[in-house]
PDB file of N, CA and C in Angstrom:
ATOM      1  N   MET A   1     -85.592  86.211 126.100  1.00  0.00           N
ATOM      2  CA  MET A   1     -84.575  85.550 125.313  1.00  0.00           C
ATOM      3  C   MET A   1     -84.816  85.861 123.840  1.00  0.00           C
ATOM      4  N   VAL A   2     -83.817  86.279 123.152  1.00  0.00           N
ATOM      5  CA  VAL A   2     -83.914  86.625 121.740  1.00  0.00           C
ATOM      6  C   VAL A   2     -83.432  85.438 120.927  1.00  0.00           C
ATOM      7  N   THR A   3     -84.125  85.148 119.837  1.00  0.00           N
ATOM      8  CA  THR A   3     -83.723  84.023 119.014  1.00  0.00           C
ATOM      9  C   THR A   3     -82.427  84.326 118.291  1.00  0.00           C
ATOM     10  N   ASN A   4     -81.708  83.267 117.957  1.00  0.00           N
ATOM     11  CA  ASN A   4     -80.445  83.439 117.244  1.00  0.00           C
ATOM     12  C   ASN A   4     -80.653  84.077 115.877  1.00  0.00           C
ATOM     13  N   GLY A   5     -81.758  83.759 115.221  1.00  0.00           N
ATOM     14  CA  GLY A   5     -82.036  84.338 113.907  1.00  0.00           C
ATOM     15  C   GLY A   5     -82.185  85.848 113.970  1.00  0.00           C
ATOM     16  N   ALA A   6     -82.889  86.332 114.960  1.00  0.00           N
ATOM     17  CA  ALA A   6     -83.077  87.775 115.113  1.00  0.00           C
ATOM     18  C   ALA A   6     -81.757  88.450 115.444  1.00  0.00           C
ATOM     19  N   GLU A   7     -80.984  87.835 116.329  1.00  0.00           N
ATOM     20  CA  GLU A   7     -79.676  88.395 116.684  1.00  0.00           C
ATOM     21  C   GLU A   7     -78.774  88.449 115.455  1.00  0.00           C
ATOM     22  N   TYR A   8     -78.828  87.412 114.632  1.00  0.00           N
ATOM     23  CA  TYR A   8     -77.991  87.362 113.428  1.00  0.00           C
ATOM     24  C   TYR A   8     -78.361  88.482 112.458  1.00  0.00           C
ATOM     25  N   VAL A   9     -79.647  88.669 112.242  1.00  0.00           N
ATOM     26  CA  VAL A   9     -80.095  89.713 111.310  1.00  0.00           C
ATOM     27  C   VAL A   9     -79.674  91.082 111.811  1.00  0.00           C
ATOM     28  N   VAL A  10     -79.864  91.335 113.084  1.00  0.00           N
ATOM     29  CA  VAL A  10     -79.499  92.632 113.651  1.00  0.00           C
ATOM     30  C   VAL A  10     -77.990  92.845 113.545  1.00  0.00           C
ATOM     31  N   SER A  11     -77.206  91.818 113.859  1.00  0.00           N
ATOM     32  CA  SER A  11     -75.746  91.978 113.792  1.00  0.00           C
ATOM     33  C   SER A  11     -75.282  92.189 112.355  1.00  0.00           C
ATOM     34  N   GLU A  12     -75.899  91.505 111.405  1.00  0.00           N
ATOM     35  CA  GLU A  12     -75.526  91.701 110.000  1.00  0.00           C
ATOM     36  C   GLU A  12     -75.892  93.101 109.521  1.00  0.00           C
ATOM     37  N   LEU A  13     -77.044  93.606 109.934  1.00  0.00           N
ATOM     38  CA  LEU A  13     -77.424  94.968 109.557  1.00  0.00           C
ATOM     39  C   LEU A  13     -76.475  95.989 110.179  1.00  0.00           C
ATOM     40  N   GLN A  14     -76.072  95.749 111.417  1.00  0.00           N
ATOM     41  CA  GLN A  14     -75.120  96.655 112.051  1.00  0.00           C
ATOM     42  C   GLN A  14     -73.763  96.605 111.343  1.00  0.00           C
ATOM     43  N   ARG A  15     -73.340  95.412 110.936  1.00  0.00           N
ATOM     44  CA  ARG A  15     -72.085  95.271 110.197  1.00  0.00           C
ATOM     45  C   ARG A  15     -72.170  96.030 108.870  1.00  0.00           C
ATOM     46  N   LEU A  16     -73.289  95.875 108.173  1.00  0.00           N
ATOM     47  CA  LEU A  16     -73.483  96.576 106.910  1.00  0.00           C
ATOM     48  C   LEU A  16     -73.464  98.087 107.115  1.00  0.00           C
ATOM     49  N   LEU A  17     -74.065  98.539 108.185  1.00  0.00           N
ATOM     50  CA  LEU A  17     -74.079  99.964 108.497  1.00  0.00           C
ATOM     51  C   LEU A  17     -72.666 100.481 108.748  1.00  0.00           C
ATOM     52  N   ARG A  18     -71.851  99.703 109.460  1.00  0.00           N
ATOM     53  CA  ARG A  18     -70.458 100.109 109.691  1.00  0.00           C
ATOM     54  C   ARG A  18     -69.670 100.159 108.376  1.00  0.00           C
ATOM     55  N   GLU A  19     -69.935  99.195 107.489  1.00  0.00           N
ATOM     56  CA  GLU A  19     -69.260  99.205 106.183  1.00  0.00           C
ATOM     57  C   GLU A  19     -69.642 100.432 105.376  1.00  0.00           C
ATOM     58  N   ILE A  20     -70.929 100.753 105.358  1.00  0.00           N
ATOM     59  CA  ILE A  20     -71.394 101.937 104.621  1.00  0.00           C
ATOM     60  C   ILE A  20     -70.770 103.189 105.204  1.00  0.00           C
ATOM     61  N   ASP A  21     -70.710 103.262 106.522  1.00  0.00           N
ATOM     62  CA  ASP A  21     -70.100 104.407 107.187  1.00  0.00           C
ATOM     63  C   ASP A  21     -68.626 104.536 106.794  1.00  0.00           C
ATOM     64  N   GLY A  22     -67.914 103.415 106.763  1.00  0.00           N
ATOM     65  CA  GLY A  22     -66.505 103.428 106.350  1.00  0.00           C
ATOM     66  C   GLY A  22     -66.344 103.865 104.909  1.00  0.00           C
ATOM     67  N   LEU A  23     -67.216 103.386 104.033  1.00  0.00           N
ATOM     68  CA  LEU A  23     -67.164 103.792 102.625  1.00  0.00           C
ATOM     69  C   LEU A  23     -67.433 105.284 102.476  1.00  0.00           C
ATOM     70  N   LEU A  24     -68.386 105.782 103.239  1.00  0.00           N
ATOM     71  CA  LEU A  24     -68.696 107.212 103.184  1.00  0.00           C
ATOM     72  C   LEU A  24     -67.497 108.039 103.618  1.00  0.00           C
ATOM     73  N   LYS A  25     -66.842 107.626 104.698  1.00  0.00           N
ATOM     74  CA  LYS A  25     -65.654 108.346 105.153  1.00  0.00           C
ATOM     75  C   LYS A  25     -64.547 108.284 104.113  1.00  0.00           C
ATOM     76  N   SER A  26     -64.423 107.142 103.447  1.00  0.00           N
ATOM     77  CA  SER A  26     -63.418 107.002 102.400  1.00  0.00           C
ATOM     78  C   SER A  26     -63.708 107.932 101.228  1.00  0.00           C
ATOM     79  N   VAL A  27     -64.974 108.035 100.857  1.00  0.00           N
ATOM     80  CA  VAL A  27     -65.366 108.928  99.755  1.00  0.00           C
ATOM     81  C   VAL A  27     -65.081 110.372 100.136  1.00  0.00           C
ATOM     82  N   ILE A  28     -65.393 110.725 101.374  1.00  0.00           N
ATOM     83  CA  ILE A  28     -65.152 112.096 101.828  1.00  0.00           C
ATOM     84  C   ILE A  28     -63.662 112.403 101.790  1.00  0.00           C
ATOM     85  N   ASN A  29     -62.839 111.469 102.278  1.00  0.00           N
ATOM     86  CA  ASN A  29     -61.390 111.686 102.285  1.00  0.00           C
ATOM     87  C   ASN A  29     -60.821 111.756 100.871  1.00  0.00           C
ATOM     88  N   THR A  30     -61.342 110.930  99.986  1.00  0.00           N
ATOM     89  CA  THR A  30     -60.842 110.904  98.607  1.00  0.00           C
ATOM     90  C   THR A  30     -61.298 112.134  97.836  1.00  0.00           C
ATOM     91  N   ALA A  31     -62.567 112.467  97.969  1.00  0.00           N
ATOM     92  CA  ALA A  31     -63.102 113.589  97.208  1.00  0.00           C
ATOM     93  C   ALA A  31     -62.650 114.917  97.789  1.00  0.00           C
ATOM     94  N   GLY A  32     -62.402 114.935  99.061  1.00  0.00           N
ATOM     95  CA  GLY A  32     -61.945 116.172  99.698  1.00  0.00           C
ATOM     96  C   GLY A  32     -63.011 117.238  99.781  1.00  0.00           C
ATOM     97  N   ALA A  33     -64.278 116.840  99.700  1.00  0.00           N
ATOM     98  CA  ALA A  33     -65.365 117.817  99.763  1.00  0.00           C
ATOM     99  C   ALA A  33     -66.402 117.380 100.788  1.00  0.00           C
ATOM    100  N   PRO A  34     -66.072 117.495 102.086  1.00  0.00           N
ATOM    101  CA  PRO A  34     -67.020 117.023 103.090  1.00  0.00           C
ATOM    102  C   PRO A  34     -68.317 117.818 103.152  1.00  0.00           C
ATOM    103  N   GLY A  35     -68.385 118.987 102.589  1.00  0.00           N
ATOM    104  CA  GLY A  35     -69.596 119.804 102.659  1.00  0.00           C
ATOM    105  C   GLY A  35     -70.458 119.701 101.417  1.00  0.00           C
ATOM    106  N   SER A  36     -70.122 118.830 100.460  1.00  0.00           N
ATOM    107  CA  SER A  36     -70.893 118.772  99.213  1.00  0.00           C
ATOM    108  C   SER A  36     -72.294 118.225  99.481  1.00  0.00           C
ATOM    109  N   ALA A  37     -73.193 118.539  98.582  1.00  0.00           N
ATOM    110  CA  ALA A  37     -74.595 118.138  98.736  1.00  0.00           C
ATOM    111  C   ALA A  37     -74.743 116.620  98.718  1.00  0.00           C
ATOM    112  N   ALA A  38     -73.984 115.949  97.863  1.00  0.00           N
ATOM    113  CA  ALA A  38     -74.086 114.482  97.774  1.00  0.00           C
ATOM    114  C   ALA A  38     -73.642 113.828  99.076  1.00  0.00           C
ATOM    115  N   VAL A  39     -72.550 114.345  99.634  1.00  0.00           N
ATOM    116  CA  VAL A  39     -72.042 113.777 100.889  1.00  0.00           C
ATOM    117  C   VAL A  39     -73.031 114.033 102.011  1.00  0.00           C
ATOM    118  N   GLU A  40     -73.614 115.214 102.045  1.00  0.00           N
ATOM    119  CA  GLU A  40     -74.598 115.521 103.075  1.00  0.00           C
ATOM    120  C   GLU A  40     -75.833 114.646 102.950  1.00  0.00           C
ATOM    121  N   ARG A  41     -76.273 114.379 101.713  1.00  0.00           N
ATOM    122  CA  ARG A  41     -77.412 113.480 101.505  1.00  0.00           C
ATOM    123  C   ARG A  41     -77.080 112.072 101.985  1.00  0.00           C
ATOM    124  N   LEU A  42     -75.877 111.618 101.660  1.00  0.00           N
ATOM    125  CA  LEU A  42     -75.453 110.287 102.111  1.00  0.00           C
ATOM    126  C   LEU A  42     -75.397 110.217 103.635  1.00  0.00           C
ATOM    127  N   GLN A  43     -74.869 111.250 104.268  1.00  0.00           N
ATOM    128  CA  GLN A  43     -74.797 111.264 105.723  1.00  0.00           C
ATOM    129  C   GLN A  43     -76.201 111.284 106.337  1.00  0.00           C
ATOM    130  N   GLY A  44     -77.095 112.045 105.734  1.00  0.00           N
ATOM    131  CA  GLY A  44     -78.486 112.070 106.217  1.00  0.00           C
ATOM    132  C   GLY A  44     -79.153 110.714 106.069  1.00  0.00           C
ATOM    133  N   ALA A  45     -78.944 110.073 104.911  1.00  0.00           N
ATOM    134  CA  ALA A  45     -79.526 108.747 104.691  1.00  0.00           C
ATOM    135  C   ALA A  45     -78.949 107.734 105.675  1.00  0.00           C
ATOM    136  N   LEU A  46     -77.669 107.847 105.943  1.00  0.00           N
ATOM    137  CA  LEU A  46     -77.022 106.946 106.887  1.00  0.00           C
ATOM    138  C   LEU A  46     -77.579 107.162 108.298  1.00  0.00           C
ATOM    139  N   GLY A  47     -77.811 108.400 108.675  1.00  0.00           N
ATOM    140  CA  GLY A  47     -78.404 108.693 109.984  1.00  0.00           C
ATOM    141  C   GLY A  47     -79.806 108.127 110.110  1.00  0.00           C
ATOM    142  N   ARG A  48     -80.604 108.286 109.050  1.00  0.00           N
ATOM    143  CA  ARG A  48     -81.960 107.732 109.067  1.00  0.00           C
ATOM    144  C   ARG A  48     -81.930 106.204 109.132  1.00  0.00           C
ATOM    145  N   LEU A  49     -80.985 105.607 108.414  1.00  0.00           N
ATOM    146  CA  LEU A  49     -80.839 104.152 108.437  1.00  0.00           C
ATOM    147  C   LEU A  49     -80.478 103.666 109.838  1.00  0.00           C
ATOM    148  N   ARG A  50     -79.605 104.393 110.516  1.00  0.00           N
ATOM    149  CA  ARG A  50     -79.246 104.039 111.899  1.00  0.00           C
ATOM    150  C   ARG A  50     -80.466 104.094 112.814  1.00  0.00           C
ATOM    151  N   GLU A  51     -81.263 105.144 112.660  1.00  0.00           N
ATOM    152  CA  GLU A  51     -82.467 105.283 113.481  1.00  0.00           C
ATOM    153  C   GLU A  51     -83.448 104.147 113.209  1.00  0.00           C
ATOM    154  N   GLN A  52     -83.647 103.827 111.940  1.00  0.00           N
ATOM    155  CA  GLN A  52     -84.563 102.756 111.575  1.00  0.00           C
ATOM    156  C   GLN A  52     -84.063 101.411 112.092  1.00  0.00           C
ATOM    157  N   LEU A  53     -82.760 101.199 112.030  1.00  0.00           N
ATOM    158  CA  LEU A  53     -82.190  99.962 112.537  1.00  0.00           C
ATOM    159  C   LEU A  53     -82.396  99.849 114.046  1.00  0.00           C
ATOM    160  N   ALA A  54     -82.195 100.938 114.751  1.00  0.00           N
ATOM    161  CA  ALA A  54     -82.402 100.926 116.199  1.00  0.00           C
ATOM    162  C   ALA A  54     -83.867 100.636 116.529  1.00  0.00           C
ATOM    163  N   ASP A  55     -84.788 101.244 115.786  1.00  0.00           N
ATOM    164  CA  ASP A  55     -86.212 100.993 116.011  1.00  0.00           C
ATOM    165  C   ASP A  55     -86.564  99.536 115.707  1.00  0.00           C
ATOM    166  N   ALA A  56     -86.032  99.017 114.596  1.00  0.00           N
ATOM    167  CA  ALA A  56     -86.309  97.630 114.218  1.00  0.00           C
ATOM    168  C   ALA A  56     -85.735  96.668 115.249  1.00  0.00           C
ATOM    169  N   GLU A  57     -84.555  96.974 115.748  1.00  0.00           N
ATOM    170  CA  GLU A  57     -83.936  96.114 116.757  1.00  0.00           C
ATOM    171  C   GLU A  57     -84.797  96.070 118.023  1.00  0.00           C
ATOM    172  N   GLU A  58     -85.263  97.219 118.465  1.00  0.00           N
ATOM    173  CA  GLU A  58     -86.131  97.276 119.648  1.00  0.00           C
ATOM    174  C   GLU A  58     -87.402  96.463 119.425  1.00  0.00           C
ATOM    175  N   GLU A  59     -87.980  96.595 118.238  1.00  0.00           N
ATOM    176  CA  GLU A  59     -89.224  95.889 117.938  1.00  0.00           C
ATOM    177  C   GLU A  59     -89.002  94.377 117.897  1.00  0.00           C
ATOM    178  N   VAL A  60     -87.917  93.943 117.263  1.00  0.00           N
ATOM    179  CA  VAL A  60     -87.626  92.508 117.171  1.00  0.00           C
ATOM    180  C   VAL A  60     -87.386  91.930 118.557  1.00  0.00           C
ATOM    181  N   VAL A  61     -86.586  92.618 119.349  1.00  0.00           N
ATOM    182  CA  VAL A  61     -86.297  92.130 120.698  1.00  0.00           C
ATOM    183  C   VAL A  61     -87.586  92.080 121.523  1.00  0.00           C
ATOM    184  N   SER A  62     -88.407  93.101 121.409  1.00  0.00           N
ATOM    185  CA  SER A  62     -89.663  93.145 122.154  1.00  0.00           C
ATOM    186  C   SER A  62     -90.587  91.999 121.748  1.00  0.00           C
ATOM    187  N   LYS A  63     -90.725  91.774 120.447  1.00  0.00           N
ATOM    188  CA  LYS A  63     -91.605  90.706 119.969  1.00  0.00           C
ATOM    189  C   LYS A  63     -91.073  89.333 120.369  1.00  0.00           C
ATOM    190  N   CYS A  64     -89.763  89.144 120.298  1.00  0.00           N
ATOM    191  CA  CYS A  64     -89.186  87.858 120.690  1.00  0.00           C
ATOM    192  C   CYS A  64     -89.402  87.601 122.178  1.00  0.00           C
ATOM    193  N   ARG A  65     -89.208  88.624 122.985  1.00  0.00           N
ATOM    194  CA  ARG A  65     -89.453  88.463 124.427  1.00  0.00           C
ATOM    195  C   ARG A  65     -90.914  88.165 124.700  1.00  0.00           C
ATOM    196  N   GLN A  66     -91.796  88.839 123.998  1.00  0.00           N
ATOM    197  CA  GLN A  66     -93.223  88.625 124.176  1.00  0.00           C
ATOM    198  C   GLN A  66     -93.597  87.188 123.785  1.00  0.00           C
ATOM    199  N   GLN A  67     -93.065  86.699 122.673  1.00  0.00           N
ATOM    200  CA  GLN A  67     -93.343  85.331 122.250  1.00  0.00           C
ATOM    201  C   GLN A  67     -92.767  84.324 123.240  1.00  0.00           C
ATOM    202  N   TRP A  68     -91.576  84.616 123.742  1.00  0.00           N
ATOM    203  CA  TRP A  68     -90.957  83.728 124.724  1.00  0.00           C
ATOM    204  C   TRP A  68     -91.834  83.633 125.973  1.00  0.00           C
ATOM    205  N   ARG A  69     -92.303  84.776 126.467  1.00  0.00           N
ATOM    206  CA  ARG A  69     -93.156  84.780 127.656  1.00  0.00           C
ATOM    207  C   ARG A  69     -94.463  84.041 127.402  1.00  0.00           C
ATOM    208  N   SER A  70     -95.034  84.269 126.229  1.00  0.00           N
ATOM    209  CA  SER A  70     -96.287  83.611 125.880  1.00  0.00           C
ATOM    210  C   SER A  70     -96.111  82.096 125.825  1.00  0.00           C
ATOM    211  N   THR A  71     -95.048  81.643 125.199  1.00  0.00           N
ATOM    212  CA  THR A  71     -94.778  80.208 125.107  1.00  0.00           C
ATOM    213  C   THR A  71     -94.507  79.624 126.489  1.00  0.00           C
ATOM    214  N   ASP A  72     -93.714  80.321 127.276  1.00  0.00           N
ATOM    215  CA  ASP A  72     -93.404  79.858 128.622  1.00  0.00           C
ATOM    216  C   ASP A  72     -94.679  79.741 129.458  1.00  0.00           C
ATOM    217  N   ARG A  73     -95.531  80.744 129.371  1.00  0.00           N
ATOM    218  CA  ARG A  73     -96.785  80.736 130.129  1.00  0.00           C
ATOM    219  C   ARG A  73     -97.680  79.573 129.668  1.00  0.00           C
ATOM    220  N   TYR A  74     -97.754  79.346 128.350  1.00  0.00           N
ATOM    221  CA  TYR A  74     -98.581  78.263 127.827  1.00  0.00           C
ATOM    222  C   TYR A  74     -98.081  76.906 128.324  1.00  0.00           C
ATOM    223  N   VAL A  75     -96.768  76.705 128.258  1.00  0.00           N
ATOM    224  CA  VAL A  75     -96.206  75.427 128.695  1.00  0.00           C
ATOM    225  C   VAL A  75     -96.431  75.229 130.188  1.00  0.00           C
ATOM    226  N   ARG A  76     -96.267  76.280 130.971  1.00  0.00           N
ATOM    227  CA  ARG A  76     -96.497  76.156 132.413  1.00  0.00           C
ATOM    228  C   ARG A  76     -97.965  75.874 132.732  1.00  0.00           C
ATOM    229  N   ASP A  77     -98.866  76.511 131.992  1.00  0.00           N
ATOM    230  CA  ASP A  77    -100.293  76.303 132.222  1.00  0.00           C
ATOM    231  C   ASP A  77    -100.772  74.943 131.713  1.00  0.00           C
ATOM    232  N   ASN A  78    -100.111  74.421 130.707  1.00  0.00           N
ATOM    233  CA  ASN A  78    -100.516  73.154 130.076  1.00  0.00           C
ATOM    234  C   ASN A  78     -99.349  72.171 130.059  1.00  0.00           C
ATOM    235  N   ALA A  79     -98.779  71.943 131.219  1.00  0.00           N
ATOM    236  CA  ALA A  79     -97.571  71.117 131.303  1.00  0.00           C
ATOM    237  C   ALA A  79     -97.806  69.704 130.770  1.00  0.00           C
ATOM    238  N   TRP A  80     -98.899  69.076 131.156  1.00  0.00           N
ATOM    239  CA  TRP A  80     -99.130  67.705 130.713  1.00  0.00           C
ATOM    240  C   TRP A  80     -99.375  67.639 129.207  1.00  0.00           C
ATOM    241  N   MET A  81    -100.045  68.627 128.670  1.00  0.00           N
ATOM    242  CA  MET A  81    -100.260  68.647 127.220  1.00  0.00           C
ATOM    243  C   MET A  81     -98.929  68.821 126.501  1.00  0.00           C
ATOM    244  N   ALA A  82     -98.059  69.684 127.034  1.00  0.00           N
ATOM    245  CA  ALA A  82     -96.751  69.897 126.425  1.00  0.00           C
ATOM    246  C   ALA A  82     -95.922  68.618 126.488  1.00  0.00           C
ATOM    247  N   ILE A  83     -95.994  67.906 127.602  1.00  0.00           N
ATOM    248  CA  ILE A  83     -95.254  66.644 127.729  1.00  0.00           C
ATOM    249  C   ILE A  83     -95.797  65.621 126.737  1.00  0.00           C
ATOM    250  N   GLY A  84     -97.109  65.541 126.630  1.00  0.00           N
ATOM    251  CA  GLY A  84     -97.726  64.618 125.674  1.00  0.00           C
ATOM    252  C   GLY A  84     -97.367  64.951 124.241  1.00  0.00           C
ATOM    253  N   LEU A  85     -97.372  66.229 123.921  1.00  0.00           N
ATOM    254  CA  LEU A  85     -97.019  66.659 122.571  1.00  0.00           C
ATOM    255  C   LEU A  85     -95.560  66.333 122.274  1.00  0.00           C
ATOM    256  N   ALA A  86     -94.681  66.569 123.235  1.00  0.00           N
ATOM    257  CA  ALA A  86     -93.266  66.244 123.045  1.00  0.00           C
ATOM    258  C   ALA A  86     -93.077  64.745 122.867  1.00  0.00           C
ATOM    259  N   ALA A  87     -93.818  63.950 123.629  1.00  0.00           N
ATOM    260  CA  ALA A  87     -93.728  62.495 123.495  1.00  0.00           C
ATOM    261  C   ALA A  87     -94.227  62.048 122.118  1.00  0.00           C
ATOM    262  N   ALA A  88     -95.321  62.646 121.657  1.00  0.00           N
ATOM    263  CA  ALA A  88     -95.857  62.290 120.345  1.00  0.00           C
ATOM    264  C   ALA A  88     -94.875  62.644 119.237  1.00  0.00           C
ATOM    265  N   VAL A  89     -94.285  63.814 119.329  1.00  0.00           N
ATOM    266  CA  VAL A  89     -93.297  64.224 118.322  1.00  0.00           C
ATOM    267  C   VAL A  89     -92.096  63.281 118.356  1.00  0.00           C
ATOM    268  N   GLY A  90     -91.642  62.921 119.550  1.00  0.00           N
ATOM    269  CA  GLY A  90     -90.531  61.983 119.683  1.00  0.00           C
ATOM    270  C   GLY A  90     -90.867  60.623 119.105  1.00  0.00           C
ATOM    271  N   PHE A  91     -92.100  60.161 119.340  1.00  0.00           N
ATOM    272  CA  PHE A  91     -92.537  58.875 118.811  1.00  0.00           C
ATOM    273  C   PHE A  91     -92.536  58.888 117.283  1.00  0.00           C
ATOM    274  N   VAL A  92     -93.113  59.929 116.693  1.00  0.00           N
ATOM    275  CA  VAL A  92     -93.171  60.044 115.230  1.00  0.00           C
ATOM    276  C   VAL A  92     -91.766  60.152 114.647  1.00  0.00           C
ATOM    277  N   ALA A  93     -90.910  60.944 115.282  1.00  0.00           N
ATOM    278  CA  ALA A  93     -89.534  61.073 114.797  1.00  0.00           C
ATOM    279  C   ALA A  93     -88.812  59.736 114.886  1.00  0.00           C
ATOM    280  N   GLY A  94     -89.048  58.974 115.949  1.00  0.00           N
ATOM    281  CA  GLY A  94     -88.442  57.655 116.077  1.00  0.00           C
ATOM    282  C   GLY A  94     -88.914  56.702 115.001  1.00  0.00           C
ATOM    283  N   LYS A  95     -90.210  56.707 114.723  1.00  0.00           N
ATOM    284  CA  LYS A  95     -90.760  55.847 113.665  1.00  0.00           C
ATOM    285  C   LYS A  95     -90.155  56.207 112.310  1.00  0.00           C
ATOM    286  N   LEU A  96     -90.048  57.497 112.019  1.00  0.00           N
ATOM    287  CA  LEU A  96     -89.463  57.923 110.748  1.00  0.00           C
ATOM    288  C   LEU A  96     -87.993  57.530 110.654  1.00  0.00           C
ATOM    289  N   ALA A  97     -87.286  57.617 111.760  1.00  0.00           N
ATOM    290  CA  ALA A  97     -85.859  57.250 111.768  1.00  0.00           C
ATOM    291  C   ALA A  97     -85.699  55.753 111.539  1.00  0.00           C
ATOM    292  N   ILE A  98     -86.588  54.948 112.125  1.00  0.00           N
ATOM    293  CA  ILE A  98     -86.494  53.488 111.940  1.00  0.00           C
ATOM    294  C   ILE A  98     -86.795  53.119 110.496  1.00  0.00           C
ATOM    295  N   ARG A  99     -87.753  53.778 109.868  1.00  0.00           N
ATOM    296  CA  ARG A  99     -88.100  53.488 108.472  1.00  0.00           C
ATOM    297  C   ARG A  99     -86.938  53.748 107.533  1.00  0.00           C
ATOM    298  N   ARG A 100     -86.161  54.759 107.814  1.00  0.00           N
ATOM    299  CA  ARG A 100     -85.049  55.120 106.931  1.00  0.00           C
ATOM    300  C   ARG A 100     -83.927  54.099 106.967  1.00  0.00           C
ATOM    301  N   GLU A 101     -83.834  53.365 108.058  1.00  0.00           N
ATOM    302  CA  GLU A 101     -82.769  52.371 108.170  1.00  0.00           C
ATOM    303  C   GLU A 101     -83.142  51.190 107.399  1.00  0.00           C
TER     304      GLU A 101
END
């Protein structure tokens, strides 16, 4: 399971990449010089950015899955401790909520 934060970052980076790609195509169409050195450098940088984004996405997903498995295994191995910890957190949160009233 991937966290919502990681999914959000990846989707925003992909959106940004699509915007950059659209801007590059617009520049090429406006300038009318698709073979110029500047355009080729931009296309190369965009390709490298895509590769880096794909690598980062794989790494984030892998780490999130690994953390999920680790947490799941810990809770299963220490079920009573997890229940006690959840009860303690609930108790403290309840006390804090009562104080605010």
